[in-house]
């Protein structure tokens, strides 16, 4: 059982800003390489299927669209005991209910991560099916990646910039993946 770090992007890329978490972990993967102790995961809307992923993490960093009640596009970071509270405060989609269940089951089974960090964005548009991220949310991808990198570095996990022209192994299905230009890629152009 690994107890390294897992960066987990959750959300539904088919519903506009709901896909923020997945798009952010894709951007991290496109611009940075990780050692074997860091796992990047496109969790999509897998729900309870993510229990083994969560159970293997010593540090779990979650990227998601969360209704914090703030201005659209605002990033918010929560840590440890605050994470479940924010994920249940105001559900945006069914994946948040099932992911809260994943965290609870990990806790009950004694396999909860030692540390958790949530990097969430206040969504702007959740109603556009098939649409990309809204401009305010897309513009925050680079900052979200930087926040994740900073949390990983503080925990002793180093990332290195991907070499020019080095292709990243896709995290999810190629049919829904986005193309990113590097560590601080602005995906607003792609949406």
N, C-alpha and C. Protein backbone atom coordinates (compact mmCIF):
# COMPACT_ATOMS: atom_id res chain seq x y z
N UNK A 1 0.85 -1.19 0.00
CA UNK A 1 0.00 0.00 0.00
C UNK A 1 0.89 1.24 0.00
N UNK A 2 0.73 2.06 -1.01
CA UNK A 2 1.48 3.31 -1.11
C UNK A 2 0.87 4.35 -0.18
N UNK A 3 1.68 5.17 0.42
CA UNK A 3 1.17 6.28 1.22
C UNK A 3 1.83 7.57 0.75
N UNK A 4 2.10 7.66 -0.54
CA UNK A 4 2.66 8.87 -1.11
C UNK A 4 1.57 9.91 -1.26
N UNK A 5 1.68 10.73 -2.29
CA UNK A 5 0.70 11.78 -2.54
C UNK A 5 -0.12 11.44 -3.78
N UNK A 6 -1.40 11.75 -3.72
CA UNK A 6 -2.30 11.59 -4.85
C UNK A 6 -2.95 12.92 -5.12
N UNK A 7 -2.90 13.36 -6.37
CA UNK A 7 -3.63 14.55 -6.80
C UNK A 7 -4.80 14.05 -7.61
N UNK A 8 -6.01 14.32 -7.14
CA UNK A 8 -7.23 13.77 -7.71
C UNK A 8 -8.11 14.88 -8.24
N UNK A 9 -8.31 14.88 -9.54
CA UNK A 9 -9.24 15.83 -10.16
C UNK A 9 -10.59 15.15 -10.32
N UNK A 10 -11.64 15.75 -9.73
CA UNK A 10 -12.96 15.16 -9.87
C UNK A 10 -13.91 16.14 -10.53
N UNK A 11 -14.91 15.60 -11.21
CA UNK A 11 -15.90 16.42 -11.88
C UNK A 11 -16.29 15.83 -13.22
N UNK A 12 -17.28 16.45 -13.82
CA UNK A 12 -17.83 15.99 -15.09
C UNK A 12 -17.48 17.00 -16.18
N UNK A 13 -16.58 16.61 -17.09
CA UNK A 13 -16.11 17.53 -18.14
C UNK A 13 -17.19 17.86 -19.16
N UNK A 14 -18.31 17.16 -19.12
CA UNK A 14 -19.40 17.43 -20.07
C UNK A 14 -20.30 18.58 -19.63
N UNK A 15 -20.13 19.07 -18.39
CA UNK A 15 -20.98 20.13 -17.88
C UNK A 15 -20.15 21.36 -17.48
N UNK A 16 -19.62 22.04 -18.46
CA UNK A 16 -18.94 23.33 -18.27
C UNK A 16 -17.98 23.32 -17.08
N UNK A 17 -18.18 24.21 -16.11
CA UNK A 17 -17.25 24.38 -14.99
C UNK A 17 -17.19 23.18 -14.06
N UNK A 18 -18.14 22.29 -14.16
CA UNK A 18 -18.12 21.06 -13.38
C UNK A 18 -16.85 20.26 -13.67
N UNK A 19 -16.24 20.48 -14.83
CA UNK A 19 -15.03 19.75 -15.23
C UNK A 19 -13.73 20.36 -14.73
N UNK A 20 -13.79 21.39 -13.90
CA UNK A 20 -12.59 22.08 -13.44
C UNK A 20 -11.54 21.14 -12.85
N UNK A 21 -11.93 20.26 -11.95
CA UNK A 21 -10.97 19.38 -11.28
C UNK A 21 -10.20 18.50 -12.25
N UNK A 22 -10.92 17.94 -13.20
CA UNK A 22 -10.28 17.08 -14.20
C UNK A 22 -9.36 17.91 -15.09
N UNK A 23 -9.82 19.06 -15.52
CA UNK A 23 -8.99 19.91 -16.39
C UNK A 23 -7.74 20.40 -15.65
N UNK A 24 -7.85 20.67 -14.36
CA UNK A 24 -6.70 21.15 -13.60
C UNK A 24 -5.66 20.04 -13.43
N UNK A 25 -6.08 18.82 -13.14
CA UNK A 25 -5.10 17.73 -13.00
C UNK A 25 -4.48 17.40 -14.35
N UNK A 26 -5.25 17.55 -15.44
CA UNK A 26 -4.68 17.38 -16.79
C UNK A 26 -3.59 18.42 -17.06
N UNK A 27 -3.84 19.66 -16.65
CA UNK A 27 -2.85 20.73 -16.85
C UNK A 27 -1.58 20.46 -16.04
N UNK A 28 -1.75 19.98 -14.82
CA UNK A 28 -0.61 19.63 -13.99
C UNK A 28 0.20 18.53 -14.67
N UNK A 29 -0.47 17.52 -15.17
CA UNK A 29 0.18 16.41 -15.86
C UNK A 29 0.88 16.87 -17.14
N UNK A 30 0.27 17.78 -17.86
CA UNK A 30 0.85 18.26 -19.12
C UNK A 30 2.13 19.05 -18.91
N UNK A 31 2.22 19.77 -17.79
CA UNK A 31 3.35 20.66 -17.60
C UNK A 31 4.43 20.18 -16.65
N UNK A 32 4.14 19.13 -15.88
CA UNK A 32 5.06 18.73 -14.81
C UNK A 32 5.21 17.22 -14.76
N UNK A 33 6.39 16.77 -14.40
CA UNK A 33 6.61 15.35 -14.16
C UNK A 33 6.71 15.12 -12.66
N UNK A 34 6.29 13.94 -12.24
CA UNK A 34 6.27 13.59 -10.83
C UNK A 34 7.11 12.34 -10.62
N UNK A 35 7.63 12.21 -9.44
CA UNK A 35 8.30 10.97 -9.08
C UNK A 35 7.27 9.88 -8.83
N UNK A 36 7.72 8.66 -8.62
CA UNK A 36 6.80 7.55 -8.43
C UNK A 36 5.95 7.64 -7.16
N UNK A 37 6.33 8.52 -6.24
CA UNK A 37 5.58 8.67 -5.01
C UNK A 37 4.39 9.62 -5.15
N UNK A 38 4.24 10.23 -6.35
CA UNK A 38 3.11 11.13 -6.61
C UNK A 38 2.28 10.54 -7.74
N UNK A 39 1.00 10.41 -7.47
CA UNK A 39 0.08 9.85 -8.46
C UNK A 39 -0.92 10.93 -8.87
N UNK A 40 -1.09 11.13 -10.17
CA UNK A 40 -2.08 12.06 -10.70
C UNK A 40 -3.25 11.24 -11.24
N UNK A 41 -4.48 11.59 -10.82
CA UNK A 41 -5.64 10.78 -11.17
C UNK A 41 -6.77 11.65 -11.71
N UNK A 42 -7.29 11.27 -12.88
CA UNK A 42 -8.53 11.83 -13.41
C UNK A 42 -9.65 11.00 -12.80
N UNK A 43 -10.24 11.51 -11.74
CA UNK A 43 -11.30 10.77 -11.05
C UNK A 43 -12.65 10.93 -11.67
N UNK A 44 -12.80 11.91 -12.57
CA UNK A 44 -14.08 12.11 -13.22
C UNK A 44 -15.23 12.07 -12.24
N UNK A 45 -16.19 11.20 -12.53
CA UNK A 45 -17.36 11.03 -11.67
C UNK A 45 -17.44 9.59 -11.17
N UNK A 46 -16.29 8.98 -10.90
CA UNK A 46 -16.23 7.57 -10.57
C UNK A 46 -16.80 7.20 -9.20
N UNK A 47 -16.98 8.16 -8.33
CA UNK A 47 -17.63 7.89 -7.06
C UNK A 47 -16.91 6.85 -6.22
N UNK A 48 -17.65 5.82 -5.80
CA UNK A 48 -17.11 4.81 -4.89
C UNK A 48 -15.94 4.03 -5.48
N UNK A 49 -15.80 4.02 -6.79
CA UNK A 49 -14.65 3.36 -7.41
C UNK A 49 -13.34 4.04 -7.03
N UNK A 50 -13.41 5.24 -6.48
CA UNK A 50 -12.21 5.97 -6.06
C UNK A 50 -11.73 5.59 -4.66
N UNK A 51 -12.45 4.72 -3.97
CA UNK A 51 -12.05 4.34 -2.62
C UNK A 51 -10.63 3.79 -2.56
N UNK A 52 -10.20 2.89 -3.46
CA UNK A 52 -8.80 2.42 -3.39
C UNK A 52 -7.79 3.54 -3.63
N UNK A 53 -8.13 4.48 -4.50
CA UNK A 53 -7.23 5.61 -4.78
C UNK A 53 -7.06 6.45 -3.52
N UNK A 54 -8.15 6.76 -2.87
CA UNK A 54 -8.10 7.56 -1.64
C UNK A 54 -7.38 6.79 -0.54
N UNK A 55 -7.65 5.50 -0.42
CA UNK A 55 -7.06 4.69 0.62
C UNK A 55 -5.57 4.51 0.51
N UNK A 56 -5.01 4.70 -0.68
CA UNK A 56 -3.57 4.54 -0.88
C UNK A 56 -2.79 5.83 -0.65
N UNK A 57 -3.49 6.94 -0.48
CA UNK A 57 -2.82 8.24 -0.38
C UNK A 57 -2.46 8.60 1.05
N UNK A 58 -1.23 9.04 1.25
CA UNK A 58 -0.84 9.64 2.52
C UNK A 58 -1.27 11.09 2.54
N UNK A 59 -1.07 11.76 1.40
CA UNK A 59 -1.54 13.13 1.18
C UNK A 59 -2.46 13.08 -0.02
N UNK A 60 -3.69 13.53 0.16
CA UNK A 60 -4.67 13.58 -0.93
C UNK A 60 -4.96 15.04 -1.24
N UNK A 61 -4.68 15.44 -2.48
CA UNK A 61 -4.99 16.79 -2.94
C UNK A 61 -6.13 16.66 -3.94
N UNK A 62 -7.25 17.30 -3.64
CA UNK A 62 -8.46 17.20 -4.46
C UNK A 62 -8.64 18.50 -5.22
N UNK A 63 -8.91 18.40 -6.50
CA UNK A 63 -9.25 19.55 -7.34
C UNK A 63 -10.71 19.39 -7.76
N UNK A 64 -11.53 20.43 -7.54
CA UNK A 64 -12.95 20.30 -7.84
C UNK A 64 -13.60 21.68 -7.94
N UNK A 65 -14.76 21.71 -8.58
CA UNK A 65 -15.62 22.90 -8.57
C UNK A 65 -16.50 22.78 -7.33
N UNK A 66 -16.49 23.81 -6.49
CA UNK A 66 -17.20 23.76 -5.22
C UNK A 66 -17.93 25.09 -5.02
N UNK A 67 -19.17 25.02 -4.56
CA UNK A 67 -19.91 26.24 -4.29
C UNK A 67 -19.55 26.74 -2.90
N UNK A 68 -18.61 27.67 -2.86
CA UNK A 68 -18.19 28.30 -1.61
C UNK A 68 -19.05 29.53 -1.30
N UNK A 69 -19.90 29.92 -2.24
CA UNK A 69 -20.69 31.13 -2.07
C UNK A 69 -19.88 32.38 -2.36
N UNK A 70 -18.84 32.26 -3.18
CA UNK A 70 -17.95 33.37 -3.51
C UNK A 70 -18.18 33.83 -4.94
N UNK A 71 -17.44 34.81 -5.37
CA UNK A 71 -17.53 35.30 -6.75
C UNK A 71 -17.06 34.21 -7.72
N UNK A 72 -17.71 34.08 -8.88
CA UNK A 72 -17.31 33.06 -9.86
C UNK A 72 -15.83 33.17 -10.21
N UNK A 73 -15.17 32.02 -10.23
CA UNK A 73 -13.75 31.96 -10.55
C UNK A 73 -12.84 32.07 -9.35
N UNK A 74 -13.39 32.33 -8.16
CA UNK A 74 -12.56 32.45 -6.96
C UNK A 74 -12.03 31.08 -6.55
N UNK A 75 -10.73 31.02 -6.30
CA UNK A 75 -10.13 29.79 -5.78
C UNK A 75 -10.17 29.81 -4.26
N UNK A 76 -10.36 28.64 -3.69
CA UNK A 76 -10.38 28.50 -2.24
C UNK A 76 -9.63 27.22 -1.89
N UNK A 77 -8.88 27.26 -0.82
CA UNK A 77 -8.14 26.09 -0.36
C UNK A 77 -8.65 25.73 1.03
N UNK A 78 -8.94 24.44 1.21
CA UNK A 78 -9.34 23.92 2.51
C UNK A 78 -8.40 22.75 2.84
N UNK A 79 -8.19 22.51 4.11
CA UNK A 79 -7.28 21.44 4.50
C UNK A 79 -7.89 20.55 5.56
N UNK A 80 -7.50 19.29 5.51
CA UNK A 80 -7.79 18.27 6.50
C UNK A 80 -9.27 18.21 6.88
N UNK A 81 -9.65 18.52 8.11
CA UNK A 81 -11.04 18.36 8.56
C UNK A 81 -12.01 19.29 7.84
N UNK A 82 -11.52 20.38 7.26
CA UNK A 82 -12.39 21.30 6.53
C UNK A 82 -12.86 20.70 5.20
N UNK A 83 -12.10 19.78 4.63
CA UNK A 83 -12.39 19.27 3.28
C UNK A 83 -13.77 18.65 3.19
N UNK A 84 -14.12 17.67 4.04
CA UNK A 84 -15.46 17.10 3.92
C UNK A 84 -16.58 18.13 4.10
N UNK A 85 -16.35 19.09 4.98
CA UNK A 85 -17.37 20.12 5.23
C UNK A 85 -17.66 20.91 3.95
N UNK A 86 -16.63 21.30 3.22
CA UNK A 86 -16.84 22.06 1.99
C UNK A 86 -17.44 21.21 0.89
N UNK A 87 -17.11 19.94 0.86
CA UNK A 87 -17.65 19.08 -0.19
C UNK A 87 -19.12 18.75 0.03
N UNK A 88 -19.63 18.96 1.25
CA UNK A 88 -21.04 18.67 1.52
C UNK A 88 -21.87 19.93 1.74
N UNK A 89 -21.25 21.09 1.81
CA UNK A 89 -21.98 22.32 2.14
C UNK A 89 -23.12 22.58 1.16
N UNK A 90 -22.83 22.60 -0.11
CA UNK A 90 -23.85 22.84 -1.13
C UNK A 90 -23.43 22.03 -2.35
N UNK A 91 -24.07 20.91 -2.54
CA UNK A 91 -23.68 19.99 -3.61
C UNK A 91 -24.02 20.58 -4.96
N UNK A 92 -23.06 20.48 -5.87
CA UNK A 92 -23.27 20.94 -7.23
C UNK A 92 -23.70 19.80 -8.14
N UNK A 93 -23.27 18.59 -7.79
CA UNK A 93 -23.58 17.45 -8.65
C UNK A 93 -23.55 16.17 -7.83
N UNK A 94 -24.00 15.09 -8.44
CA UNK A 94 -24.03 13.80 -7.75
C UNK A 94 -22.65 13.30 -7.38
N UNK A 95 -21.59 13.68 -8.15
CA UNK A 95 -20.26 13.16 -7.81
C UNK A 95 -19.81 13.62 -6.43
N UNK A 96 -20.27 14.80 -5.99
CA UNK A 96 -19.85 15.27 -4.67
C UNK A 96 -20.47 14.43 -3.57
N UNK A 97 -21.73 14.01 -3.74
CA UNK A 97 -22.34 13.13 -2.76
C UNK A 97 -21.55 11.84 -2.67
N UNK A 98 -21.28 11.22 -3.80
CA UNK A 98 -20.58 9.94 -3.78
C UNK A 98 -19.13 10.11 -3.32
N UNK A 99 -18.49 11.23 -3.61
CA UNK A 99 -17.13 11.40 -3.14
C UNK A 99 -17.09 11.62 -1.63
N UNK A 100 -18.09 12.28 -1.09
CA UNK A 100 -18.19 12.41 0.37
C UNK A 100 -18.31 11.02 0.99
N UNK A 101 -19.06 10.13 0.33
CA UNK A 101 -19.17 8.74 0.81
C UNK A 101 -17.81 8.05 0.77
N UNK A 102 -17.03 8.30 -0.27
CA UNK A 102 -15.69 7.72 -0.38
C UNK A 102 -14.83 8.14 0.81
N UNK A 103 -14.85 9.43 1.12
CA UNK A 103 -14.05 9.92 2.26
C UNK A 103 -14.52 9.29 3.58
N UNK A 104 -15.83 9.18 3.74
CA UNK A 104 -16.36 8.58 4.97
C UNK A 104 -15.98 7.11 5.08
N UNK A 105 -16.08 6.38 3.98
CA UNK A 105 -15.71 4.96 4.00
C UNK A 105 -14.21 4.77 4.26
N UNK A 106 -13.40 5.65 3.69
CA UNK A 106 -11.96 5.57 3.95
C UNK A 106 -11.68 5.79 5.43
N UNK A 107 -12.39 6.72 6.03
CA UNK A 107 -12.23 7.01 7.46
C UNK A 107 -12.65 5.81 8.30
N UNK A 108 -13.82 5.26 8.00
CA UNK A 108 -14.34 4.13 8.76
C UNK A 108 -13.43 2.91 8.66
N UNK A 109 -12.86 2.70 7.48
CA UNK A 109 -12.01 1.52 7.26
C UNK A 109 -10.57 1.73 7.74
N UNK A 110 -10.28 2.90 8.28
CA UNK A 110 -8.93 3.17 8.77
C UNK A 110 -7.93 3.43 7.65
N UNK A 111 -8.42 3.77 6.46
CA UNK A 111 -7.54 4.00 5.32
C UNK A 111 -7.63 5.45 4.83
N UNK A 112 -8.06 6.35 5.66
CA UNK A 112 -8.14 7.75 5.27
C UNK A 112 -6.74 8.34 5.12
N UNK A 113 -6.56 9.25 4.18
CA UNK A 113 -5.27 9.91 4.05
C UNK A 113 -4.90 10.64 5.35
N UNK A 114 -3.60 10.69 5.65
CA UNK A 114 -3.13 11.42 6.83
C UNK A 114 -3.39 12.91 6.68
N UNK A 115 -3.29 13.41 5.44
CA UNK A 115 -3.52 14.83 5.15
C UNK A 115 -4.39 14.95 3.92
N UNK A 116 -5.26 15.96 3.89
CA UNK A 116 -6.07 16.26 2.71
C UNK A 116 -6.05 17.75 2.45
N UNK A 117 -6.04 18.09 1.17
CA UNK A 117 -6.14 19.48 0.74
C UNK A 117 -7.15 19.53 -0.40
N UNK A 118 -8.04 20.48 -0.34
CA UNK A 118 -9.00 20.73 -1.41
C UNK A 118 -8.65 22.06 -2.05
N UNK A 119 -8.42 22.04 -3.37
CA UNK A 119 -8.26 23.27 -4.14
C UNK A 119 -9.52 23.34 -4.99
N UNK A 120 -10.40 24.23 -4.61
CA UNK A 120 -11.68 24.35 -5.29
C UNK A 120 -11.85 25.69 -5.96
N UNK A 121 -12.69 25.70 -6.96
CA UNK A 121 -13.01 26.95 -7.66
C UNK A 121 -14.52 27.16 -7.59
N UNK A 122 -14.91 28.41 -7.41
CA UNK A 122 -16.33 28.76 -7.44
C UNK A 122 -16.77 28.75 -8.91
N UNK A 123 -17.69 27.86 -9.28
CA UNK A 123 -18.10 27.78 -10.68
C UNK A 123 -18.93 28.98 -11.11
N UNK A 124 -18.96 29.16 -12.39
CA UNK A 124 -19.72 30.24 -13.01
C UNK A 124 -20.89 29.64 -13.80
N UNK A 125 -20.62 28.56 -14.54
CA UNK A 125 -21.60 27.93 -15.42
C UNK A 125 -21.57 26.43 -15.22
N UNK A 126 -22.68 25.89 -14.78
CA UNK A 126 -22.81 24.44 -14.63
C UNK A 126 -23.89 23.88 -15.54
N UNK A 127 -24.53 24.74 -16.32
CA UNK A 127 -25.68 24.33 -17.11
C UNK A 127 -25.40 24.07 -18.58
N UNK A 128 -24.21 24.40 -19.06
CA UNK A 128 -23.90 24.23 -20.47
C UNK A 128 -23.36 22.84 -20.72
N UNK A 129 -24.18 22.01 -21.35
CA UNK A 129 -23.76 20.64 -21.66
C UNK A 129 -22.84 20.67 -22.87
N UNK A 130 -21.72 19.99 -22.74
CA UNK A 130 -20.77 19.92 -23.87
C UNK A 130 -19.89 21.14 -23.99
N UNK A 131 -20.09 22.11 -23.11
CA UNK A 131 -19.28 23.32 -23.17
C UNK A 131 -18.02 23.17 -22.36
N UNK A 132 -17.04 23.96 -22.69
CA UNK A 132 -15.80 23.97 -21.91
C UNK A 132 -15.98 24.81 -20.66
N UNK A 133 -14.89 25.02 -19.98
CA UNK A 133 -14.91 25.86 -18.78
C UNK A 133 -15.24 27.29 -19.16
N UNK A 134 -15.93 27.99 -18.27
CA UNK A 134 -16.18 29.41 -18.48
C UNK A 134 -14.85 30.15 -18.38
N UNK A 135 -14.79 31.34 -18.96
CA UNK A 135 -13.54 32.11 -18.95
C UNK A 135 -13.00 32.37 -17.54
N UNK A 136 -13.87 32.79 -16.56
CA UNK A 136 -13.33 33.05 -15.22
C UNK A 136 -12.74 31.80 -14.56
N UNK A 137 -13.32 30.64 -14.80
CA UNK A 137 -12.83 29.41 -14.20
C UNK A 137 -11.60 28.91 -14.94
N UNK A 138 -11.62 28.94 -16.26
CA UNK A 138 -10.46 28.51 -17.06
C UNK A 138 -9.22 29.33 -16.73
N UNK A 139 -9.44 30.61 -16.46
CA UNK A 139 -8.31 31.49 -16.16
C UNK A 139 -7.61 31.13 -14.85
N UNK A 140 -8.25 30.31 -14.01
CA UNK A 140 -7.67 29.96 -12.71
C UNK A 140 -6.90 28.64 -12.71
N UNK A 141 -6.89 27.95 -13.84
CA UNK A 141 -6.21 26.65 -13.91
C UNK A 141 -4.73 26.78 -13.53
N UNK A 142 -4.02 27.73 -14.10
CA UNK A 142 -2.59 27.89 -13.81
C UNK A 142 -2.34 28.14 -12.33
N UNK A 143 -3.16 28.98 -11.72
CA UNK A 143 -3.02 29.27 -10.28
C UNK A 143 -3.33 28.04 -9.44
N UNK A 144 -4.34 27.26 -9.85
CA UNK A 144 -4.67 26.03 -9.13
C UNK A 144 -3.51 25.04 -9.20
N UNK A 145 -2.90 24.92 -10.37
CA UNK A 145 -1.73 24.04 -10.53
C UNK A 145 -0.59 24.50 -9.62
N UNK A 146 -0.36 25.81 -9.56
CA UNK A 146 0.69 26.35 -8.69
C UNK A 146 0.40 26.05 -7.21
N UNK A 147 -0.88 26.15 -6.80
CA UNK A 147 -1.25 25.84 -5.42
C UNK A 147 -0.99 24.36 -5.10
N UNK A 148 -1.34 23.49 -6.03
CA UNK A 148 -1.10 22.06 -5.83
C UNK A 148 0.40 21.79 -5.72
N UNK A 149 1.18 22.38 -6.62
CA UNK A 149 2.63 22.20 -6.58
C UNK A 149 3.21 22.67 -5.26
N UNK A 150 2.71 23.79 -4.75
CA UNK A 150 3.21 24.33 -3.48
C UNK A 150 2.88 23.39 -2.32
N UNK A 151 1.67 22.84 -2.31
CA UNK A 151 1.31 21.90 -1.24
C UNK A 151 2.15 20.64 -1.32
N UNK A 152 2.39 20.15 -2.53
CA UNK A 152 3.23 18.96 -2.69
C UNK A 152 4.66 19.25 -2.22
N UNK A 153 5.18 20.41 -2.60
CA UNK A 153 6.56 20.76 -2.21
C UNK A 153 6.68 20.86 -0.69
N UNK A 154 5.70 21.48 -0.03
CA UNK A 154 5.75 21.59 1.43
C UNK A 154 5.73 20.21 2.10
N UNK A 155 5.10 19.24 1.42
CA UNK A 155 5.04 17.88 1.97
C UNK A 155 6.24 17.04 1.55
N UNK A 156 7.16 17.65 0.79
CA UNK A 156 8.38 16.94 0.41
C UNK A 156 8.32 16.21 -0.92
N UNK A 157 7.31 16.50 -1.74
CA UNK A 157 7.17 15.86 -3.04
C UNK A 157 7.54 16.87 -4.13
N UNK A 158 8.60 16.58 -4.85
CA UNK A 158 9.08 17.50 -5.88
C UNK A 158 8.50 17.16 -7.25
N UNK A 159 8.18 18.20 -8.00
CA UNK A 159 7.77 18.07 -9.39
C UNK A 159 8.80 18.81 -10.23
N UNK A 160 8.98 18.36 -11.45
CA UNK A 160 9.91 19.03 -12.36
C UNK A 160 9.17 19.43 -13.62
N UNK A 161 9.52 20.58 -14.19
CA UNK A 161 8.86 20.98 -15.44
C UNK A 161 9.12 19.94 -16.53
N UNK A 162 8.09 19.67 -17.31
CA UNK A 162 8.23 18.75 -18.43
C UNK A 162 9.14 19.37 -19.47
N UNK A 163 10.01 18.58 -20.06
CA UNK A 163 10.91 19.06 -21.10
C UNK A 163 10.10 19.48 -22.33
N UNK A 164 10.60 20.47 -23.03
CA UNK A 164 9.92 20.94 -24.25
C UNK A 164 9.72 19.77 -25.21
N UNK A 165 8.51 19.62 -25.68
CA UNK A 165 8.19 18.56 -26.62
C UNK A 165 7.92 17.20 -25.98
N UNK A 166 8.12 17.08 -24.66
CA UNK A 166 7.86 15.81 -23.98
C UNK A 166 6.35 15.61 -23.82
N UNK A 167 5.86 14.52 -24.33
CA UNK A 167 4.43 14.22 -24.24
C UNK A 167 4.10 13.62 -22.88
N UNK A 168 3.00 14.05 -22.31
CA UNK A 168 2.52 13.49 -21.05
C UNK A 168 1.63 12.29 -21.34
N UNK A 169 1.74 11.27 -20.51
CA UNK A 169 0.84 10.12 -20.60
C UNK A 169 -0.56 10.60 -20.23
N UNK A 170 -1.58 10.35 -21.05
CA UNK A 170 -2.93 10.82 -20.71
C UNK A 170 -3.43 10.20 -19.41
N UNK A 171 -4.20 10.97 -18.66
CA UNK A 171 -4.77 10.50 -17.39
C UNK A 171 -6.13 9.84 -17.58
N UNK A 172 -6.81 10.24 -18.63
CA UNK A 172 -8.16 9.73 -18.88
C UNK A 172 -8.35 9.44 -20.35
N UNK A 173 -9.58 9.25 -20.77
CA UNK A 173 -9.86 8.95 -22.17
C UNK A 173 -9.42 10.08 -23.10
N UNK A 174 -8.73 9.73 -24.16
CA UNK A 174 -8.22 10.73 -25.11
C UNK A 174 -9.35 11.53 -25.75
N UNK A 175 -10.52 10.94 -25.87
CA UNK A 175 -11.64 11.61 -26.53
C UNK A 175 -12.09 12.88 -25.81
N UNK A 176 -11.85 12.97 -24.50
CA UNK A 176 -12.29 14.15 -23.75
C UNK A 176 -11.13 14.95 -23.18
N UNK A 177 -9.91 14.58 -23.53
CA UNK A 177 -8.74 15.28 -23.01
C UNK A 177 -8.57 16.63 -23.69
N UNK A 178 -7.94 17.56 -22.99
CA UNK A 178 -7.59 18.85 -23.56
C UNK A 178 -6.10 18.87 -23.82
N UNK A 179 -5.67 19.75 -24.69
CA UNK A 179 -4.25 19.92 -24.96
C UNK A 179 -3.77 21.15 -24.21
N UNK A 180 -2.63 21.01 -23.53
CA UNK A 180 -2.08 22.10 -22.75
C UNK A 180 -0.69 22.40 -23.26
N UNK A 181 -0.26 23.68 -23.11
CA UNK A 181 1.01 24.09 -23.64
C UNK A 181 2.16 24.12 -22.67
N UNK A 182 1.98 23.78 -21.42
CA UNK A 182 3.10 23.80 -20.49
C UNK A 182 2.65 24.07 -19.08
N UNK A 183 3.60 24.30 -18.18
CA UNK A 183 3.28 24.44 -16.76
C UNK A 183 2.25 25.50 -16.43
N UNK A 184 2.30 26.63 -17.08
CA UNK A 184 1.36 27.70 -16.77
C UNK A 184 0.39 27.92 -17.92
N UNK A 185 0.04 26.82 -18.60
CA UNK A 185 -0.82 26.93 -19.78
C UNK A 185 -2.14 27.60 -19.43
N UNK A 186 -2.57 28.45 -20.30
CA UNK A 186 -3.87 29.08 -20.16
C UNK A 186 -4.85 28.31 -21.02
N UNK A 187 -5.76 27.60 -20.38
CA UNK A 187 -6.68 26.79 -21.18
C UNK A 187 -7.90 27.60 -21.62
N UNK A 188 -7.95 28.85 -21.24
CA UNK A 188 -9.08 29.67 -21.68
C UNK A 188 -9.13 29.70 -23.21
N UNK A 189 -7.97 29.63 -23.85
CA UNK A 189 -7.91 29.63 -25.30
C UNK A 189 -8.54 28.38 -25.87
N UNK A 190 -8.47 27.26 -25.13
CA UNK A 190 -8.99 26.00 -25.63
C UNK A 190 -10.49 25.86 -25.41
N UNK A 191 -11.06 26.68 -24.53
CA UNK A 191 -12.49 26.50 -24.25
C UNK A 191 -13.34 27.45 -25.06
